[in-house]
Protein backbone atom coordinates (compact mmCIF):
# COMPACT_ATOMS: atom_id res chain seq x y z
CA MET A 1 82.00 139.07 6.33
CA ASN A 2 80.76 142.30 7.47
CA GLU A 3 78.06 143.84 9.60
CA ARG A 4 75.44 144.14 7.18
CA GLN A 5 75.75 140.51 6.01
CA LEU A 6 75.58 139.20 9.76
CA ARG A 7 72.34 141.17 10.32
CA ILE A 8 70.76 139.81 7.00
CA LEU A 9 71.72 136.43 8.42
CA ARG A 10 70.22 137.11 11.82
CA GLU A 11 67.00 138.51 10.31
CA LEU A 12 66.63 135.42 7.84
CA GLY A 13 66.91 133.22 10.95
CA GLU A 14 63.92 134.88 12.54
CA LEU A 15 61.77 135.50 9.42
CA GLY A 16 62.51 132.50 7.33
CA SER A 17 62.42 134.14 3.85
CA VAL A 18 64.38 136.44 1.74
CA THR A 19 61.44 138.55 0.88
CA ALA A 20 60.35 138.97 4.63
CA THR A 21 64.00 139.87 5.35
CA ALA A 22 64.20 142.44 2.49
CA GLU A 23 61.10 144.07 3.88
CA ALA A 24 62.37 144.27 7.21
CA LEU A 25 65.70 145.79 6.25
CA LEU A 26 64.21 148.02 3.62
CA MET A 27 66.28 146.34 1.02
CA THR A 28 65.33 144.41 -2.27
CA PRO A 29 65.20 140.76 -2.20
CA SER A 30 68.02 140.56 -4.84
CA ALA A 31 70.32 142.54 -2.67
CA VAL A 32 69.61 140.28 0.20
CA SER A 33 70.37 137.15 -1.83
CA GLN A 34 73.53 138.85 -3.15
CA GLN A 35 74.80 139.55 0.37
CA LEU A 36 73.88 136.08 1.49
CA ARG A 37 76.02 134.78 -1.45
CA LEU A 38 78.97 136.74 -0.46
CA LEU A 39 78.89 135.79 2.94
CA GLN A 40 78.53 132.06 2.21
CA ARG A 41 81.66 132.29 0.09
CA THR A 42 83.66 133.27 2.99
CA ILE A 43 82.17 130.33 5.11
CA PRO A 44 83.19 126.61 4.42
CA VAL A 45 79.84 124.94 5.48
CA PRO A 46 76.40 125.75 4.67
CA LEU A 47 74.56 128.63 6.60
CA PRO A 48 70.87 128.48 5.35
CA ARG A 49 69.06 125.41 3.97
CA ARG A 50 65.52 125.09 2.75
CA ASP A 51 62.56 123.32 4.65
CA GLY A 52 59.61 123.42 2.39
CA ARG A 53 58.89 127.04 1.48
CA ARG A 54 61.10 128.58 4.34
CA LEU A 55 64.72 128.99 4.64
CA VAL A 56 66.10 127.92 7.85
CA LEU A 57 69.56 128.25 9.31
CA THR A 58 71.76 125.28 9.83
CA ASP A 59 73.53 124.72 13.07
CA ALA A 60 76.50 126.84 11.71
CA GLY A 61 74.17 129.46 10.54
CA GLN A 62 72.54 129.62 13.86
CA ALA A 63 75.90 130.05 15.58
CA LEU A 64 76.87 132.66 13.36
CA ALA A 65 73.44 134.49 13.75
CA GLY A 66 74.04 134.26 17.55
CA ALA A 67 77.60 135.91 17.16
CA ALA A 68 75.72 138.52 14.72
CA VAL A 69 73.73 139.50 18.06
CA GLU A 70 76.95 139.84 20.01
CA VAL A 71 78.58 141.82 17.01
CA GLU A 72 75.54 144.26 16.72
CA THR A 73 75.62 144.83 20.37
CA ALA A 74 79.29 145.63 20.59
CA LEU A 75 79.12 147.88 17.51
CA ALA A 76 76.13 149.66 18.98
CA LYS A 77 78.17 150.17 22.16
CA ALA A 78 81.21 151.48 20.30
CA ARG A 79 79.27 153.91 18.37
CA HIS A 80 77.22 155.08 21.26
CA THR A 81 80.56 155.62 23.06
CA ILE A 82 81.54 158.45 20.77
CA ASP A 83 78.04 159.75 20.22
CA GLU A 84 76.26 161.99 22.72
CA PHE A 85 73.05 160.06 22.05
CA VAL A 86 74.20 157.48 24.37
CA GLU A 87 73.99 159.93 27.47
CA GLN A 88 71.21 162.03 26.06
CA PRO A 89 68.57 162.08 28.78
CA ASP A 90 65.88 163.51 26.48
CA ALA A 91 66.19 161.20 23.68
CA GLN A 92 63.01 159.45 22.39
CA VAL A 93 62.20 156.05 23.57
CA SER A 94 59.29 154.01 21.96
CA VAL A 95 57.31 151.48 24.24
CA ALA A 96 54.66 149.34 22.90
CA ALA A 97 52.24 147.26 25.10
CA PHE A 98 49.36 144.74 24.82
CA HIS A 99 46.04 146.28 25.85
CA SER A 100 45.86 145.61 29.50
CA ALA A 101 49.55 146.39 30.08
CA ALA A 102 49.30 149.67 28.13
CA ALA A 103 46.25 150.67 30.31
CA ALA A 104 48.19 149.79 33.70
CA PHE A 105 51.67 150.98 32.82
CA PHE A 106 51.16 153.98 30.46
CA PRO A 107 49.57 156.46 32.72
CA LEU A 108 52.43 155.57 35.48
CA LEU A 109 55.01 155.97 32.94
CA LEU A 110 53.77 159.44 31.77
CA ALA A 111 53.47 160.56 35.36
CA ARG A 112 56.85 159.79 36.43
CA VAL A 113 58.92 160.38 33.29
CA THR A 114 58.49 164.15 33.45
CA SER A 115 59.98 167.24 31.50
CA GLY A 116 60.54 165.18 28.54
CA HIS A 117 63.23 163.27 30.13
CA PRO A 118 63.30 160.94 28.13
CA ARG A 119 60.65 161.54 25.47
CA LEU A 120 57.89 158.78 25.29
CA SER A 121 56.51 157.35 22.06
CA LEU A 122 53.68 154.83 23.27
CA ALA A 123 51.99 152.43 21.04
CA ASP A 124 49.50 149.54 21.85
CA GLU A 125 49.70 146.26 20.08
CA ASP A 126 47.71 143.45 20.19
CA VAL A 127 49.42 140.38 18.72
CA ALA A 128 49.64 136.74 19.16
CA GLN A 129 52.30 135.54 21.72
CA ASP A 130 55.00 134.52 19.26
CA HIS A 131 54.84 137.81 17.49
CA PHE A 132 55.91 139.80 20.44
CA PRO A 133 59.66 139.33 19.78
CA ARG A 134 59.25 140.88 16.39
CA LEU A 135 57.95 144.23 17.65
CA THR A 136 61.51 144.68 19.26
CA ARG A 137 62.64 145.49 15.58
CA ASP A 138 60.35 148.55 15.59
CA TYR A 139 60.28 149.49 19.39
CA ASP A 140 62.68 150.10 21.95
CA LEU A 141 60.84 148.40 24.65
CA VAL A 142 57.95 145.87 24.26
CA LEU A 143 55.51 144.93 27.06
CA ALA A 144 54.53 141.33 26.22
CA HIS A 145 52.76 138.58 28.25
CA ARG A 146 53.00 134.70 28.29
CA LEU A 147 51.81 132.11 30.60
CA ASP A 148 53.76 130.86 33.42
CA ARG A 149 54.66 127.39 31.78
CA ALA A 150 55.03 128.78 28.47
CA PRO A 151 58.11 128.34 26.47
CA PRO A 152 60.69 130.98 27.06
CA TRP A 153 61.11 134.13 24.70
CA PRO A 154 63.91 133.68 21.94
CA SER A 155 67.52 134.30 22.96
CA THR A 156 67.52 137.01 20.27
CA VAL A 157 65.77 139.43 22.74
CA THR A 158 66.46 140.30 26.28
CA ALA A 159 63.38 139.48 28.50
CA VAL A 160 63.03 140.87 32.11
CA THR A 161 59.76 139.87 34.23
CA LEU A 162 58.01 142.89 35.48
CA LEU A 163 54.95 141.03 37.12
CA ARG A 164 53.66 137.63 37.69
CA GLU A 165 50.04 138.23 37.59
CA PRO A 166 47.20 135.78 38.89
CA LEU A 167 44.33 135.35 36.36
CA ASP A 168 40.78 135.12 38.10
CA VAL A 169 37.35 134.11 37.03
CA ALA A 170 35.18 137.25 36.48
CA LEU A 171 31.53 136.69 37.16
CA PRO A 172 28.66 139.15 37.88
CA ALA A 173 28.23 140.00 41.46
CA ASP A 174 24.58 138.47 41.56
CA HIS A 175 25.95 135.08 40.10
CA PRO A 176 25.40 132.12 42.34
CA LEU A 177 29.10 131.37 42.21
CA ALA A 178 29.86 134.86 43.41
CA ALA A 179 29.35 133.55 47.00
CA GLU A 180 32.45 131.30 46.77
CA ARG A 181 35.76 132.55 47.72
CA HIS A 182 37.50 130.09 45.39
CA LEU A 183 36.29 128.16 42.31
CA THR A 184 37.24 125.14 40.81
CA PRO A 185 37.26 123.89 36.95
CA ARG A 186 34.17 121.71 37.96
CA ASP A 187 32.37 124.71 39.27
CA VAL A 188 32.67 126.66 36.09
CA ALA A 189 32.86 123.93 33.49
CA ASP A 190 28.97 124.19 32.69
CA GLU A 191 28.95 128.21 32.36
CA PRO A 192 28.97 130.03 29.01
CA TRP A 193 32.47 131.48 28.54
CA ILE A 194 34.23 134.41 26.95
CA ALA A 195 37.52 133.73 25.60
CA VAL A 196 40.34 135.26 23.56
CA HIS A 197 40.86 134.30 19.95
CA ASP A 198 42.98 131.20 19.12
CA GLY A 199 46.62 131.96 19.13
CA PHE A 200 46.72 134.50 22.00
CA PRO A 201 48.22 133.47 25.33
CA LEU A 202 45.18 133.30 27.50
CA ILE A 203 43.55 130.50 25.47
CA ALA A 204 45.75 127.99 27.13
CA PRO A 205 44.24 128.41 30.69
CA ILE A 206 40.67 127.87 29.11
CA ASP A 207 41.81 124.49 27.36
CA ALA A 208 43.40 123.67 30.81
CA ILE A 209 39.97 124.27 32.83
CA ALA A 210 38.19 122.18 30.21
CA THR A 211 40.85 119.30 30.74
CA ALA A 212 40.62 119.48 34.37
CA ALA A 213 36.91 119.38 34.30
CA ASN A 214 36.75 116.71 31.60
CA ARG A 215 34.31 118.39 29.40
CA ARG A 216 34.44 121.02 26.57
CA LEU A 217 33.58 124.67 27.63
CA ASP A 218 30.95 126.53 25.94
CA ILE A 219 32.70 129.28 24.38
CA VAL A 220 30.23 131.90 23.26
CA HIS A 221 32.18 134.96 22.74
CA ARG A 222 35.69 135.61 21.41
CA ILE A 223 37.04 139.25 22.71
CA ASN A 224 40.52 140.00 23.27
CA ASP A 225 40.06 143.32 24.93
CA PHE A 226 39.59 142.69 28.63
CA ALA A 227 37.55 145.97 28.86
CA VAL A 228 35.03 144.94 26.35
CA ALA A 229 34.88 141.28 28.03
CA ALA A 230 34.15 142.66 31.32
CA GLU A 231 31.24 144.73 29.90
CA VAL A 232 29.93 141.50 28.29
CA ALA A 233 30.46 139.36 31.46
CA ALA A 234 28.79 142.07 33.62
CA ALA A 235 25.63 141.96 31.14
CA GLY A 236 25.56 138.18 31.82
CA GLY A 237 27.19 137.02 28.75
CA GLY A 238 29.48 134.59 30.29
CA LEU A 239 32.29 133.95 32.64
CA ALA A 240 35.76 135.27 31.77
CA LEU A 241 39.51 135.16 33.02
CA MET A 242 40.74 138.34 34.08
CA PRO A 243 44.19 139.59 35.12
CA ARG A 244 43.85 140.43 38.92
CA TRP A 245 46.16 143.60 38.77
CA THR A 246 46.32 145.09 35.33
CA THR A 247 42.64 145.58 34.53
CA ARG A 248 40.41 148.02 36.06
CA PRO A 249 37.83 146.74 38.86
CA HIS A 250 34.24 146.56 37.24
CA PRO A 251 31.37 147.59 39.80
CA ALA A 252 29.05 144.81 38.41
CA LEU A 253 31.80 142.07 38.53
CA VAL A 254 33.62 140.13 41.32
CA LEU A 255 36.96 138.13 40.61
CA ARG A 256 37.38 134.80 42.16
CA PRO A 257 40.71 132.70 42.11
CA LEU A 258 40.46 129.33 40.40
CA SER A 259 42.36 126.37 41.96
CA GLY A 260 43.18 123.17 40.30
CA VAL A 261 44.84 124.45 37.24
CA HIS A 262 47.66 127.07 36.67
CA THR A 263 46.21 130.41 35.76
CA GLY A 264 49.00 132.88 36.05
CA ARG A 265 50.94 134.89 33.53
CA GLN A 266 53.94 136.95 33.19
CA VAL A 267 54.41 140.37 32.00
CA ASP A 268 57.59 140.79 30.59
CA VAL A 269 59.68 143.64 29.10
CA LEU A 270 61.42 142.69 25.84
CA HIS A 271 64.21 144.61 23.87
CA ARG A 272 67.06 143.85 21.77
CA PRO A 273 70.35 143.71 23.60
CA GLU A 274 71.84 146.63 21.83
CA ARG A 275 68.88 149.04 22.73
CA ALA A 276 69.92 149.09 26.47
CA ALA A 277 73.11 150.81 25.65
CA ARG A 278 71.21 153.98 25.60
CA ARG A 279 70.82 155.92 28.77
CA ALA A 280 67.28 156.97 27.84
CA VAL A 281 66.14 153.20 27.25
CA ARG A 282 67.56 152.31 30.84
CA THR A 283 65.51 155.15 32.58
CA VAL A 284 62.48 153.94 30.98
CA LEU A 285 63.38 150.37 32.14
CA ALA A 286 63.92 151.49 35.56
CA GLU A 287 60.63 153.19 35.71
CA LEU A 288 58.71 150.17 34.35
CA HIS A 289 60.18 148.31 37.26
CA ARG A 290 58.83 150.93 39.83
CA ALA A 291 55.49 151.09 37.92
CA ALA A 292 55.25 147.12 38.45
CA ALA A 293 55.94 147.46 41.92
CA MET A 294 53.17 150.09 42.44
CA ILE A 295 50.64 148.17 40.41
CA ARG A 296 51.50 145.05 42.31
CA ASN A 297 51.42 146.60 45.88
CA ARG A 298 48.34 148.81 45.19
CA ASP A 299 45.96 146.50 43.38
CA ALA A 300 47.10 143.17 45.27
CA GLY A 301 45.98 144.61 48.57
CA GLU A 302 42.75 146.25 47.43
CA GLY A 303 41.65 143.34 45.22
CA ALA A 304 42.45 140.64 47.81
CA ASP A 305 40.48 142.34 50.60
CA ALA A 306 37.49 143.18 48.15
CA GLN A 307 37.43 140.08 46.27
CA GLY A 308 38.81 137.00 48.45
CA THR A 309 41.95 136.70 46.39
CA HIS A 310 44.24 135.68 49.00
CA ASP A 311 46.14 132.43 49.15
CA VAL A 312 45.63 131.12 45.87
CA GLU A 313 48.37 128.92 44.06
CA VAL A 314 49.43 130.35 40.78
């Protein structure tokens, strides 16, 4: 048993196929299969098993894959202890974020992380919710979002919540419902809607509104980018759910809280445990927390005063 074999087992458990594991680790499928066979010879019980077209880990395989995370973390710490890279303040740190988080957090990061300490490499990644953990393979830190009551992130990544953000109904300022301070599912159920594509986190609150109102919503447009959705809503294309703090206010729109359903989301930062062994990564993590406090304190007060978003349960 060696580190390479344990890493292959860990990736196999996440990806479910030899081919995908080989691509992720820049190996050939035959090399991956060979290493798995060698590892299996040292273990008296089966590690992977077939489940249709996928390879899944047995209980023993999952236990060993969990130990592989600890092994990789320990080895990473050991290597970094004797490597100046651990304490290198100007090392590069890669950060990925979904669109609205990128718009809110990236400018604050760039303003606070000055003189290249550390050097930031930023990327936007608009993916389905269950794909966010996979991004930690390619980036040091990943800003991800999930609904308050959604299942937790897998134990293979470390997750820390930066924001718990309400989702409000966005509607034109001259819309009849704009005069209301709070809205209910029945208030909005007969309106045309702008929703995200299926598989993305914010589709669940749309379904919850329909369930609470006991009718199917008329989803006219499918738009993931909040800036685009805001323009369509302002033009009369329909109502939309908008994050209260991480989207820029639109002059032609108002936001109204929705009661009767849970419409909050968490903005979390995900990373593989071993990444936090680096001083530069820890520095950026601390700045992300400071940025989250700035976003919450700045926009919560302004948004509540201007749009009547106080005392809403999320």
